[in-house]
Amino acid sequence: SRGAIIEKDVVLEECVILQDCHIKKG
């Protein structure tokens, strides 16, 4: 969703990420 931040070395598989979430490195 809008405003999601996915940092370097993050791996997302079959995920639902809603607004303004921050997934940090690794």
mmCIF file of all heavy atoms, coordinates in Angstrom:
data_MODEL
# 
_entry.id   MODEL 
# 
loop_
_atom_site.group_PDB 
_atom_site.id 
_atom_site.type_symbol 
_atom_site.label_atom_id 
_atom_site.label_alt_id 
_atom_site.label_comp_id 
_atom_site.label_asym_id 
_atom_site.label_entity_id 
_atom_site.label_seq_id 
_atom_site.pdbx_PDB_ins_code 
_atom_site.Cartn_x 
_atom_site.Cartn_y 
_atom_site.Cartn_z 
_atom_site.occupancy 
_atom_site.B_iso_or_equiv 
_atom_site.pdbx_formal_charge 
_atom_site.auth_seq_id 
_atom_site.auth_comp_id 
_atom_site.auth_asym_id 
_atom_site.auth_atom_id 
_atom_site.pdbx_PDB_model_num 
ATOM 1   N N   . SER A 1 1  ? 0.839  -1.201  0.000  1.00 0.00 ? 1  SER A N   1 
ATOM 2   C CA  . SER A 1 1  ? 0.000  0.000   0.000  1.00 0.00 ? 1  SER A CA  1 
ATOM 3   C C   . SER A 1 1  ? 0.872  1.248   0.000  1.00 0.00 ? 1  SER A C   1 
ATOM 4   O O   . SER A 1 1  ? 2.104  1.169   0.095  1.00 0.00 ? 1  SER A O   1 
ATOM 5   C CB  . SER A 1 1  ? -0.924 -0.012  1.221  1.00 0.00 ? 1  SER A CB  1 
ATOM 6   O OG  . SER A 1 1  ? -1.867 -1.046  1.120  1.00 0.00 ? 1  SER A OG  1 
ATOM 7   N N   . ARG A 1 2  ? 0.229  2.405   -0.080 1.00 0.00 ? 2  ARG A N   1 
ATOM 8   C CA  . ARG A 1 2  ? 0.935  3.673   -0.183 1.00 0.00 ? 2  ARG A CA  1 
ATOM 9   C C   . ARG A 1 2  ? 1.935  3.879   0.958  1.00 0.00 ? 2  ARG A C   1 
ATOM 10  O O   . ARG A 1 2  ? 1.651  3.582   2.113  1.00 0.00 ? 2  ARG A O   1 
ATOM 11  C CB  . ARG A 1 2  ? -0.063 4.834   -0.175 1.00 0.00 ? 2  ARG A CB  1 
ATOM 12  C CG  . ARG A 1 2  ? -0.813 5.022   -1.479 1.00 0.00 ? 2  ARG A CG  1 
ATOM 13  C CD  . ARG A 1 2  ? -1.710 6.238   -1.411 1.00 0.00 ? 2  ARG A CD  1 
ATOM 14  N NE  . ARG A 1 2  ? -2.799 6.028   -0.475 1.00 0.00 ? 2  ARG A NE  1 
ATOM 15  C CZ  . ARG A 1 2  ? -4.000 5.594   -0.806 1.00 0.00 ? 2  ARG A CZ  1 
ATOM 16  N NH1 . ARG A 1 2  ? -4.277 5.318   -2.064 1.00 0.00 ? 2  ARG A NH1 1 
ATOM 17  N NH2 . ARG A 1 2  ? -4.935 5.440   0.100  1.00 0.00 ? 2  ARG A NH2 1 
ATOM 18  N N   . GLY A 1 3  ? 3.080  4.425   0.590  1.00 0.00 ? 3  GLY A N   1 
ATOM 19  C CA  . GLY A 1 3  ? 4.039  4.872   1.592  1.00 0.00 ? 3  GLY A CA  1 
ATOM 20  C C   . GLY A 1 3  ? 4.867  3.782   2.244  1.00 0.00 ? 3  GLY A C   1 
ATOM 21  O O   . GLY A 1 3  ? 5.582  4.057   3.219  1.00 0.00 ? 3  GLY A O   1 
ATOM 22  N N   . ALA A 1 4  ? 4.823  2.563   1.740  1.00 0.00 ? 4  ALA A N   1 
ATOM 23  C CA  . ALA A 1 4  ? 5.628  1.487   2.317  1.00 0.00 ? 4  ALA A CA  1 
ATOM 24  C C   . ALA A 1 4  ? 7.102  1.698   1.974  1.00 0.00 ? 4  ALA A C   1 
ATOM 25  O O   . ALA A 1 4  ? 7.450  2.056   0.851  1.00 0.00 ? 4  ALA A O   1 
ATOM 26  C CB  . ALA A 1 4  ? 5.149  0.135   1.814  1.00 0.00 ? 4  ALA A CB  1 
ATOM 27  N N   . ILE A 1 5  ? 7.961  1.453   2.952  1.00 0.00 ? 5  ILE A N   1 
ATOM 28  C CA  . ILE A 1 5  ? 9.410  1.550   2.749  1.00 0.00 ? 5  ILE A CA  1 
ATOM 29  C C   . ILE A 1 5  ? 10.014 0.165   2.938  1.00 0.00 ? 5  ILE A C   1 
ATOM 30  O O   . ILE A 1 5  ? 9.883  -0.437  4.009  1.00 0.00 ? 5  ILE A O   1 
ATOM 31  C CB  . ILE A 1 5  ? 10.047 2.554   3.731  1.00 0.00 ? 5  ILE A CB  1 
ATOM 32  C CG1 . ILE A 1 5  ? 9.449  3.960   3.516  1.00 0.00 ? 5  ILE A CG1 1 
ATOM 33  C CG2 . ILE A 1 5  ? 11.562 2.585   3.558  1.00 0.00 ? 5  ILE A CG2 1 
ATOM 34  C CD1 . ILE A 1 5  ? 9.930  4.979   4.529  1.00 0.00 ? 5  ILE A CD1 1 
ATOM 35  N N   . ILE A 1 6  ? 10.662 -0.351  1.902  1.00 0.00 ? 6  ILE A N   1 
ATOM 36  C CA  . ILE A 1 6  ? 11.263 -1.681  1.927  1.00 0.00 ? 6  ILE A CA  1 
ATOM 37  C C   . ILE A 1 6  ? 12.768 -1.503  1.761  1.00 0.00 ? 6  ILE A C   1 
ATOM 38  O O   . ILE A 1 6  ? 13.260 -1.210  0.661  1.00 0.00 ? 6  ILE A O   1 
ATOM 39  C CB  . ILE A 1 6  ? 10.698 -2.576  0.800  1.00 0.00 ? 6  ILE A CB  1 
ATOM 40  C CG1 . ILE A 1 6  ? 9.165  -2.492  0.742  1.00 0.00 ? 6  ILE A CG1 1 
ATOM 41  C CG2 . ILE A 1 6  ? 11.193 -4.006  0.962  1.00 0.00 ? 6  ILE A CG2 1 
ATOM 42  C CD1 . ILE A 1 6  ? 8.466  -2.927  2.004  1.00 0.00 ? 6  ILE A CD1 1 
ATOM 43  N N   . GLU A 1 7  ? 13.518 -1.668  2.844  1.00 0.00 ? 7  GLU A N   1 
ATOM 44  C CA  . GLU A 1 7  ? 14.945 -1.389  2.803  1.00 0.00 ? 7  GLU A CA  1 
ATOM 45  C C   . GLU A 1 7  ? 15.746 -2.500  2.120  1.00 0.00 ? 7  GLU A C   1 
ATOM 46  O O   . GLU A 1 7  ? 15.212 -3.557  1.771  1.00 0.00 ? 7  GLU A O   1 
ATOM 47  C CB  . GLU A 1 7  ? 15.465 -1.148  4.230  1.00 0.00 ? 7  GLU A CB  1 
ATOM 48  C CG  . GLU A 1 7  ? 14.975 0.141   4.852  1.00 0.00 ? 7  GLU A CG  1 
ATOM 49  C CD  . GLU A 1 7  ? 15.684 0.478   6.162  1.00 0.00 ? 7  GLU A CD  1 
ATOM 50  O OE1 . GLU A 1 7  ? 16.587 -0.297  6.572  1.00 0.00 ? 7  GLU A OE1 1 
ATOM 51  O OE2 . GLU A 1 7  ? 15.351 1.510   6.770  1.00 0.00 ? 7  GLU A OE2 1 
ATOM 52  N N   . LYS A 1 8  ? 17.033 -2.259  1.973  1.00 0.00 ? 8  LYS A N   1 
ATOM 53  C CA  . LYS A 1 8  ? 17.949 -3.183  1.315  1.00 0.00 ? 8  LYS A CA  1 
ATOM 54  C C   . LYS A 1 8  ? 18.022 -4.514  2.062  1.00 0.00 ? 8  LYS A C   1 
ATOM 55  O O   . LYS A 1 8  ? 17.943 -4.551  3.305  1.00 0.00 ? 8  LYS A O   1 
ATOM 56  C CB  . LYS A 1 8  ? 19.343 -2.556  1.248  1.00 0.00 ? 8  LYS A CB  1 
ATOM 57  C CG  . LYS A 1 8  ? 20.341 -3.312  0.387  1.00 0.00 ? 8  LYS A CG  1 
ATOM 58  C CD  . LYS A 1 8  ? 21.649 -2.546  0.304  1.00 0.00 ? 8  LYS A CD  1 
ATOM 59  C CE  . LYS A 1 8  ? 22.652 -3.286  -0.572 1.00 0.00 ? 8  LYS A CE  1 
ATOM 60  N NZ  . LYS A 1 8  ? 23.952 -2.556  -0.659 1.00 0.00 ? 8  LYS A NZ  1 
ATOM 61  N N   . ASP A 1 9  ? 18.142 -5.587  1.305  1.00 0.00 ? 9  ASP A N   1 
ATOM 62  C CA  . ASP A 1 9  ? 18.269 -6.961  1.832  1.00 0.00 ? 9  ASP A CA  1 
ATOM 63  C C   . ASP A 1 9  ? 16.995 -7.473  2.498  1.00 0.00 ? 9  ASP A C   1 
ATOM 64  O O   . ASP A 1 9  ? 17.013 -8.529  3.130  1.00 0.00 ? 9  ASP A O   1 
ATOM 65  C CB  . ASP A 1 9  ? 19.444 -7.080  2.818  1.00 0.00 ? 9  ASP A CB  1 
ATOM 66  C CG  . ASP A 1 9  ? 20.778 -6.798  2.136  1.00 0.00 ? 9  ASP A CG  1 
ATOM 67  O OD1 . ASP A 1 9  ? 20.919 -7.160  0.950  1.00 0.00 ? 9  ASP A OD1 1 
ATOM 68  O OD2 . ASP A 1 9  ? 21.672 -6.207  2.790  1.00 0.00 ? 9  ASP A OD2 1 
ATOM 69  N N   . VAL A 1 10 ? 15.908 -6.760  2.382  1.00 0.00 ? 10 VAL A N   1 
ATOM 70  C CA  . VAL A 1 10 ? 14.608 -7.262  2.839  1.00 0.00 ? 10 VAL A CA  1 
ATOM 71  C C   . VAL A 1 10 ? 14.087 -8.264  1.810  1.00 0.00 ? 10 VAL A C   1 
ATOM 72  O O   . VAL A 1 10 ? 14.265 -8.070  0.602  1.00 0.00 ? 10 VAL A O   1 
ATOM 73  C CB  . VAL A 1 10 ? 13.601 -6.110  3.024  1.00 0.00 ? 10 VAL A CB  1 
ATOM 74  C CG1 . VAL A 1 10 ? 12.172 -6.643  3.165  1.00 0.00 ? 10 VAL A CG1 1 
ATOM 75  C CG2 . VAL A 1 10 ? 13.976 -5.260  4.222  1.00 0.00 ? 10 VAL A CG2 1 
ATOM 76  N N   . VAL A 1 11 ? 13.445 -9.335  2.292  1.00 0.00 ? 11 VAL A N   1 
ATOM 77  C CA  . VAL A 1 11 ? 12.783 -10.292 1.403  1.00 0.00 ? 11 VAL A CA  1 
ATOM 78  C C   . VAL A 1 11 ? 11.331 -10.429 1.844  1.00 0.00 ? 11 VAL A C   1 
ATOM 79  O O   . VAL A 1 11 ? 11.053 -10.844 2.977  1.00 0.00 ? 11 VAL A O   1 
ATOM 80  C CB  . VAL A 1 11 ? 13.467 -11.673 1.415  1.00 0.00 ? 11 VAL A CB  1 
ATOM 81  C CG1 . VAL A 1 11 ? 12.696 -12.651 0.523  1.00 0.00 ? 11 VAL A CG1 1 
ATOM 82  C CG2 . VAL A 1 11 ? 14.908 -11.559 0.931  1.00 0.00 ? 11 VAL A CG2 1 
ATOM 83  N N   . LEU A 1 12 ? 10.409 -10.056 0.967  1.00 0.00 ? 12 LEU A N   1 
ATOM 84  C CA  . LEU A 1 12 ? 8.979  -10.226 1.224  1.00 0.00 ? 12 LEU A CA  1 
ATOM 85  C C   . LEU A 1 12 ? 8.445  -11.263 0.245  1.00 0.00 ? 12 LEU A C   1 
ATOM 86  O O   . LEU A 1 12 ? 8.591  -11.110 -0.971 1.00 0.00 ? 12 LEU A O   1 
ATOM 87  C CB  . LEU A 1 12 ? 8.222  -8.907  1.017  1.00 0.00 ? 12 LEU A CB  1 
ATOM 88  C CG  . LEU A 1 12 ? 8.610  -7.704  1.864  1.00 0.00 ? 12 LEU A CG  1 
ATOM 89  C CD1 . LEU A 1 12 ? 7.725  -6.512  1.507  1.00 0.00 ? 12 LEU A CD1 1 
ATOM 90  C CD2 . LEU A 1 12 ? 8.479  -8.014  3.350  1.00 0.00 ? 12 LEU A CD2 1 
ATOM 91  N N   . GLU A 1 13 ? 7.790  -12.304 0.770  1.00 0.00 ? 13 GLU A N   1 
ATOM 92  C CA  . GLU A 1 13 ? 7.163  -13.325 -0.065 1.00 0.00 ? 13 GLU A CA  1 
ATOM 93  C C   . GLU A 1 13 ? 5.731  -13.551 0.397  1.00 0.00 ? 13 GLU A C   1 
ATOM 94  O O   . GLU A 1 13 ? 5.501  -13.822 1.578  1.00 0.00 ? 13 GLU A O   1 
ATOM 95  C CB  . GLU A 1 13 ? 7.938  -14.646 0.026  1.00 0.00 ? 13 GLU A CB  1 
ATOM 96  C CG  . GLU A 1 13 ? 9.364  -14.591 -0.492 1.00 0.00 ? 13 GLU A CG  1 
ATOM 97  C CD  . GLU A 1 13 ? 10.050 -15.933 -0.363 1.00 0.00 ? 13 GLU A CD  1 
ATOM 98  O OE1 . GLU A 1 13 ? 9.883  -16.762 -1.270 1.00 0.00 ? 13 GLU A OE1 1 
ATOM 99  O OE2 . GLU A 1 13 ? 10.733 -16.152 0.658  1.00 0.00 ? 13 GLU A OE2 1 
ATOM 100 N N   . GLU A 1 14 ? 4.778  -13.393 -0.538 1.00 0.00 ? 14 GLU A N   1 
ATOM 101 C CA  . GLU A 1 14 ? 3.359  -13.569 -0.225 1.00 0.00 ? 14 GLU A CA  1 
ATOM 102 C C   . GLU A 1 14 ? 2.972  -12.743 1.019  1.00 0.00 ? 14 GLU A C   1 
ATOM 103 O O   . GLU A 1 14 ? 2.488  -13.276 2.021  1.00 0.00 ? 14 GLU A O   1 
ATOM 104 C CB  . GLU A 1 14 ? 3.004  -15.042 -0.004 1.00 0.00 ? 14 GLU A CB  1 
ATOM 105 C CG  . GLU A 1 14 ? 3.011  -15.890 -1.251 1.00 0.00 ? 14 GLU A CG  1 
ATOM 106 C CD  . GLU A 1 14 ? 4.399  -16.365 -1.633 1.00 0.00 ? 14 GLU A CD  1 
ATOM 107 O OE1 . GLU A 1 14 ? 5.143  -16.789 -0.736 1.00 0.00 ? 14 GLU A OE1 1 
ATOM 108 O OE2 . GLU A 1 14 ? 4.750  -16.313 -2.832 1.00 0.00 ? 14 GLU A OE2 1 
ATOM 109 N N   . CYS A 1 15 ? 3.187  -11.457 0.929  1.00 0.00 ? 15 CYS A N   1 
ATOM 110 C CA  . CYS A 1 15 ? 2.869  -10.564 2.053  1.00 0.00 ? 15 CYS A CA  1 
ATOM 111 C C   . CYS A 1 15 ? 1.903  -9.464  1.611  1.00 0.00 ? 15 CYS A C   1 
ATOM 112 O O   . CYS A 1 15 ? 1.838  -9.099  0.439  1.00 0.00 ? 15 CYS A O   1 
ATOM 113 C CB  . CYS A 1 15 ? 4.147  -9.927  2.615  1.00 0.00 ? 15 CYS A CB  1 
ATOM 114 S SG  . CYS A 1 15 ? 5.210  -11.082 3.499  1.00 0.00 ? 15 CYS A SG  1 
ATOM 115 N N   . VAL A 1 16 ? 1.155  -8.941  2.593  1.00 0.00 ? 16 VAL A N   1 
ATOM 116 C CA  . VAL A 1 16 ? 0.299  -7.773  2.380  1.00 0.00 ? 16 VAL A CA  1 
ATOM 117 C C   . VAL A 1 16 ? 0.794  -6.696  3.337  1.00 0.00 ? 16 VAL A C   1 
ATOM 118 O O   . VAL A 1 16 ? 0.675  -6.840  4.564  1.00 0.00 ? 16 VAL A O   1 
ATOM 119 C CB  . VAL A 1 16 ? -1.180 -8.091  2.653  1.00 0.00 ? 16 VAL A CB  1 
ATOM 120 C CG1 . VAL A 1 16 ? -2.041 -6.837  2.443  1.00 0.00 ? 16 VAL A CG1 1 
ATOM 121 C CG2 . VAL A 1 16 ? -1.668 -9.218  1.753  1.00 0.00 ? 16 VAL A CG2 1 
ATOM 122 N N   . ILE A 1 17 ? 1.369  -5.637  2.782  1.00 0.00 ? 17 ILE A N   1 
ATOM 123 C CA  . ILE A 1 17 ? 1.939  -4.557  3.585  1.00 0.00 ? 17 ILE A CA  1 
ATOM 124 C C   . ILE A 1 17 ? 1.049  -3.331  3.416  1.00 0.00 ? 17 ILE A C   1 
ATOM 125 O O   . ILE A 1 17 ? 0.931  -2.789  2.309  1.00 0.00 ? 17 ILE A O   1 
ATOM 126 C CB  . ILE A 1 17 ? 3.383  -4.234  3.146  1.00 0.00 ? 17 ILE A CB  1 
ATOM 127 C CG1 . ILE A 1 17 ? 4.234  -5.507  3.046  1.00 0.00 ? 17 ILE A CG1 1 
ATOM 128 C CG2 . ILE A 1 17 ? 4.005  -3.215  4.089  1.00 0.00 ? 17 ILE A CG2 1 
ATOM 129 C CD1 . ILE A 1 17 ? 4.401  -6.251  4.350  1.00 0.00 ? 17 ILE A CD1 1 
ATOM 130 N N   . LEU A 1 18 ? 0.427  -2.891  4.502  1.00 0.00 ? 18 LEU A N   1 
ATOM 131 C CA  . LEU A 1 18 ? -0.500 -1.768  4.413  1.00 0.00 ? 18 LEU A CA  1 
ATOM 132 C C   . LEU A 1 18 ? 0.229  -0.437  4.567  1.00 0.00 ? 18 LEU A C   1 
ATOM 133 O O   . LEU A 1 18 ? 1.445  -0.385  4.698  1.00 0.00 ? 18 LEU A O   1 
ATOM 134 C CB  . LEU A 1 18 ? -1.619 -1.944  5.434  1.00 0.00 ? 18 LEU A CB  1 
ATOM 135 C CG  . LEU A 1 18 ? -2.486 -3.200  5.235  1.00 0.00 ? 18 LEU A CG  1 
ATOM 136 C CD1 . LEU A 1 18 ? -3.677 -3.197  6.174  1.00 0.00 ? 18 LEU A CD1 1 
ATOM 137 C CD2 . LEU A 1 18 ? -2.954 -3.353  3.792  1.00 0.00 ? 18 LEU A CD2 1 
ATOM 138 N N   . GLN A 1 19 ? -0.526 0.635   4.582  1.00 0.00 ? 19 GLN A N   1 
ATOM 139 C CA  . GLN A 1 19 ? -0.011 1.992   4.414  1.00 0.00 ? 19 GLN A CA  1 
ATOM 140 C C   . GLN A 1 19 ? 1.026  2.383   5.460  1.00 0.00 ? 19 GLN A C   1 
ATOM 141 O O   . GLN A 1 19 ? 0.891  2.103   6.647  1.00 0.00 ? 19 GLN A O   1 
ATOM 142 C CB  . GLN A 1 19 ? -1.185 2.972   4.455  1.00 0.00 ? 19 GLN A CB  1 
ATOM 143 C CG  . GLN A 1 19 ? -0.825 4.405   4.109  1.00 0.00 ? 19 GLN A CG  1 
ATOM 144 C CD  . GLN A 1 19 ? -2.059 5.274   4.057  1.00 0.00 ? 19 GLN A CD  1 
ATOM 145 O OE1 . GLN A 1 19 ? -3.156 4.804   3.802  1.00 0.00 ? 19 GLN A OE1 1 
ATOM 146 N NE2 . GLN A 1 19 ? -1.885 6.557   4.290  1.00 0.00 ? 19 GLN A NE2 1 
ATOM 147 N N   . ASP A 1 20 ? 2.083  3.069   4.978  1.00 0.00 ? 20 ASP A N   1 
ATOM 148 C CA  . ASP A 1 20 ? 3.106  3.699   5.835  1.00 0.00 ? 20 ASP A CA  1 
ATOM 149 C C   . ASP A 1 20 ? 3.830  2.716   6.745  1.00 0.00 ? 20 ASP A C   1 
ATOM 150 O O   . ASP A 1 20 ? 4.209  3.068   7.871  1.00 0.00 ? 20 ASP A O   1 
ATOM 151 C CB  . ASP A 1 20 ? 2.479  4.826   6.669  1.00 0.00 ? 20 ASP A CB  1 
ATOM 152 C CG  . ASP A 1 20 ? 2.003  5.982   5.823  1.00 0.00 ? 20 ASP A CG  1 
ATOM 153 O OD1 . ASP A 1 20 ? 2.613  6.225   4.764  1.00 0.00 ? 20 ASP A OD1 1 
ATOM 154 O OD2 . ASP A 1 20 ? 1.009  6.633   6.192  1.00 0.00 ? 20 ASP A OD2 1 
ATOM 155 N N   . CYS A 1 21 ? 4.044  1.509   6.280  1.00 0.00 ? 21 CYS A N   1 
ATOM 156 C CA  . CYS A 1 21 ? 4.858  0.548   7.034  1.00 0.00 ? 21 CYS A CA  1 
ATOM 157 C C   . CYS A 1 21 ? 6.316  0.655   6.593  1.00 0.00 ? 21 CYS A C   1 
ATOM 158 O O   . CYS A 1 21 ? 6.614  0.959   5.437  1.00 0.00 ? 21 CYS A O   1 
ATOM 159 C CB  . CYS A 1 21 ? 4.354  -0.875  6.818  1.00 0.00 ? 21 CYS A CB  1 
ATOM 160 S SG  . CYS A 1 21 ? 2.795  -1.221  7.659  1.00 0.00 ? 21 CYS A SG  1 
ATOM 161 N N   . HIS A 1 22 ? 7.197  0.362   7.526  1.00 0.00 ? 22 HIS A N   1 
ATOM 162 C CA  . HIS A 1 22 ? 8.638  0.464   7.273  1.00 0.00 ? 22 HIS A CA  1 
ATOM 163 C C   . HIS A 1 22 ? 9.271  -0.895  7.594  1.00 0.00 ? 22 HIS A C   1 
ATOM 164 O O   . HIS A 1 22 ? 9.306  -1.305  8.756  1.00 0.00 ? 22 HIS A O   1 
ATOM 165 C CB  . HIS A 1 22 ? 9.239  1.561   8.151  1.00 0.00 ? 22 HIS A CB  1 
ATOM 166 C CG  . HIS A 1 22 ? 10.652 1.914   7.803  1.00 0.00 ? 22 HIS A CG  1 
ATOM 167 N ND1 . HIS A 1 22 ? 11.241 3.091   8.187  1.00 0.00 ? 22 HIS A ND1 1 
ATOM 168 C CD2 . HIS A 1 22 ? 11.621 1.236   7.105  1.00 0.00 ? 22 HIS A CD2 1 
ATOM 169 C CE1 . HIS A 1 22 ? 12.488 3.138   7.752  1.00 0.00 ? 22 HIS A CE1 1 
ATOM 170 N NE2 . HIS A 1 22 ? 12.737 2.003   7.088  1.00 0.00 ? 22 HIS A NE2 1 
ATOM 171 N N   . ILE A 1 23 ? 9.760  -1.579  6.564  1.00 0.00 ? 23 ILE A N   1 
ATOM 172 C CA  . ILE A 1 23 ? 10.407 -2.873  6.747  1.00 0.00 ? 23 ILE A CA  1 
ATOM 173 C C   . ILE A 1 23 ? 11.912 -2.641  6.649  1.00 0.00 ? 23 ILE A C   1 
ATOM 174 O O   . ILE A 1 23 ? 12.433 -2.323  5.577  1.00 0.00 ? 23 ILE A O   1 
ATOM 175 C CB  . ILE A 1 23 ? 9.956  -3.896  5.671  1.00 0.00 ? 23 ILE A CB  1 
ATOM 176 C CG1 . ILE A 1 23 ? 8.429  -3.826  5.469  1.00 0.00 ? 23 ILE A CG1 1 
ATOM 177 C CG2 . ILE A 1 23 ? 10.404 -5.298  6.066  1.00 0.00 ? 23 ILE A CG2 1 
ATOM 178 C CD1 . ILE A 1 23 ? 7.608  -4.146  6.680  1.00 0.00 ? 23 ILE A CD1 1 
ATOM 179 N N   . LYS A 1 24 ? 12.605 -2.828  7.772  1.00 0.00 ? 24 LYS A N   1 
ATOM 180 C CA  . LYS A 1 24 ? 14.015 -2.425  7.841  1.00 0.00 ? 24 LYS A CA  1 
ATOM 181 C C   . LYS A 1 24 ? 14.954 -3.508  7.322  1.00 0.00 ? 24 LYS A C   1 
ATOM 182 O O   . LYS A 1 24 ? 14.580 -4.655  7.120  1.00 0.00 ? 24 LYS A O   1 
ATOM 183 C CB  . LYS A 1 24 ? 14.365 -2.025  9.273  1.00 0.00 ? 24 LYS A CB  1 
ATOM 184 C CG  . LYS A 1 24 ? 13.654 -0.752  9.720  1.00 0.00 ? 24 LYS A CG  1 
ATOM 185 C CD  . LYS A 1 24 ? 14.281 -0.134  10.940 1.00 0.00 ? 24 LYS A CD  1 
ATOM 186 C CE  . LYS A 1 24 ? 13.732 1.259   11.210 1.00 0.00 ? 24 LYS A CE  1 
ATOM 187 N NZ  . LYS A 1 24 ? 14.400 1.895   12.368 1.00 0.00 ? 24 LYS A NZ  1 
ATOM 188 N N   . LYS A 1 25 ? 16.184 -3.108  7.123  1.00 0.00 ? 25 LYS A N   1 
ATOM 189 C CA  . LYS A 1 25 ? 17.227 -3.892  6.463  1.00 0.00 ? 25 LYS A CA  1 
ATOM 190 C C   . LYS A 1 25 ? 17.319 -5.326  6.972  1.00 0.00 ? 25 LYS A C   1 
ATOM 191 O O   . LYS A 1 25 ? 17.350 -5.573  8.180  1.00 0.00 ? 25 LYS A O   1 
ATOM 192 C CB  . LYS A 1 25 ? 18.570 -3.191  6.655  1.00 0.00 ? 25 LYS A CB  1 
ATOM 193 C CG  . LYS A 1 25 ? 19.735 -3.849  5.931  1.00 0.00 ? 25 LYS A CG  1 
ATOM 194 C CD  . LYS A 1 25 ? 21.006 -3.050  6.134  1.00 0.00 ? 25 LYS A CD  1 
ATOM 195 C CE  . LYS A 1 25 ? 22.195 -3.729  5.430  1.00 0.00 ? 25 LYS A CE  1 
ATOM 196 N NZ  . LYS A 1 25 ? 23.450 -2.963  5.621  1.00 0.00 ? 25 LYS A NZ  1 
ATOM 197 N N   . GLY A 1 26 ? 17.331 -6.267  6.024  1.00 0.00 ? 26 GLY A N   1 
ATOM 198 C CA  . GLY A 1 26 ? 17.579 -7.666  6.352  1.00 0.00 ? 26 GLY A CA  1 
ATOM 199 C C   . GLY A 1 26 ? 16.390 -8.452  6.860  1.00 0.00 ? 26 GLY A C   1 
ATOM 200 O O   . GLY A 1 26 ? 16.517 -9.653  7.130  1.00 0.00 ? 26 GLY A O   1 
# 
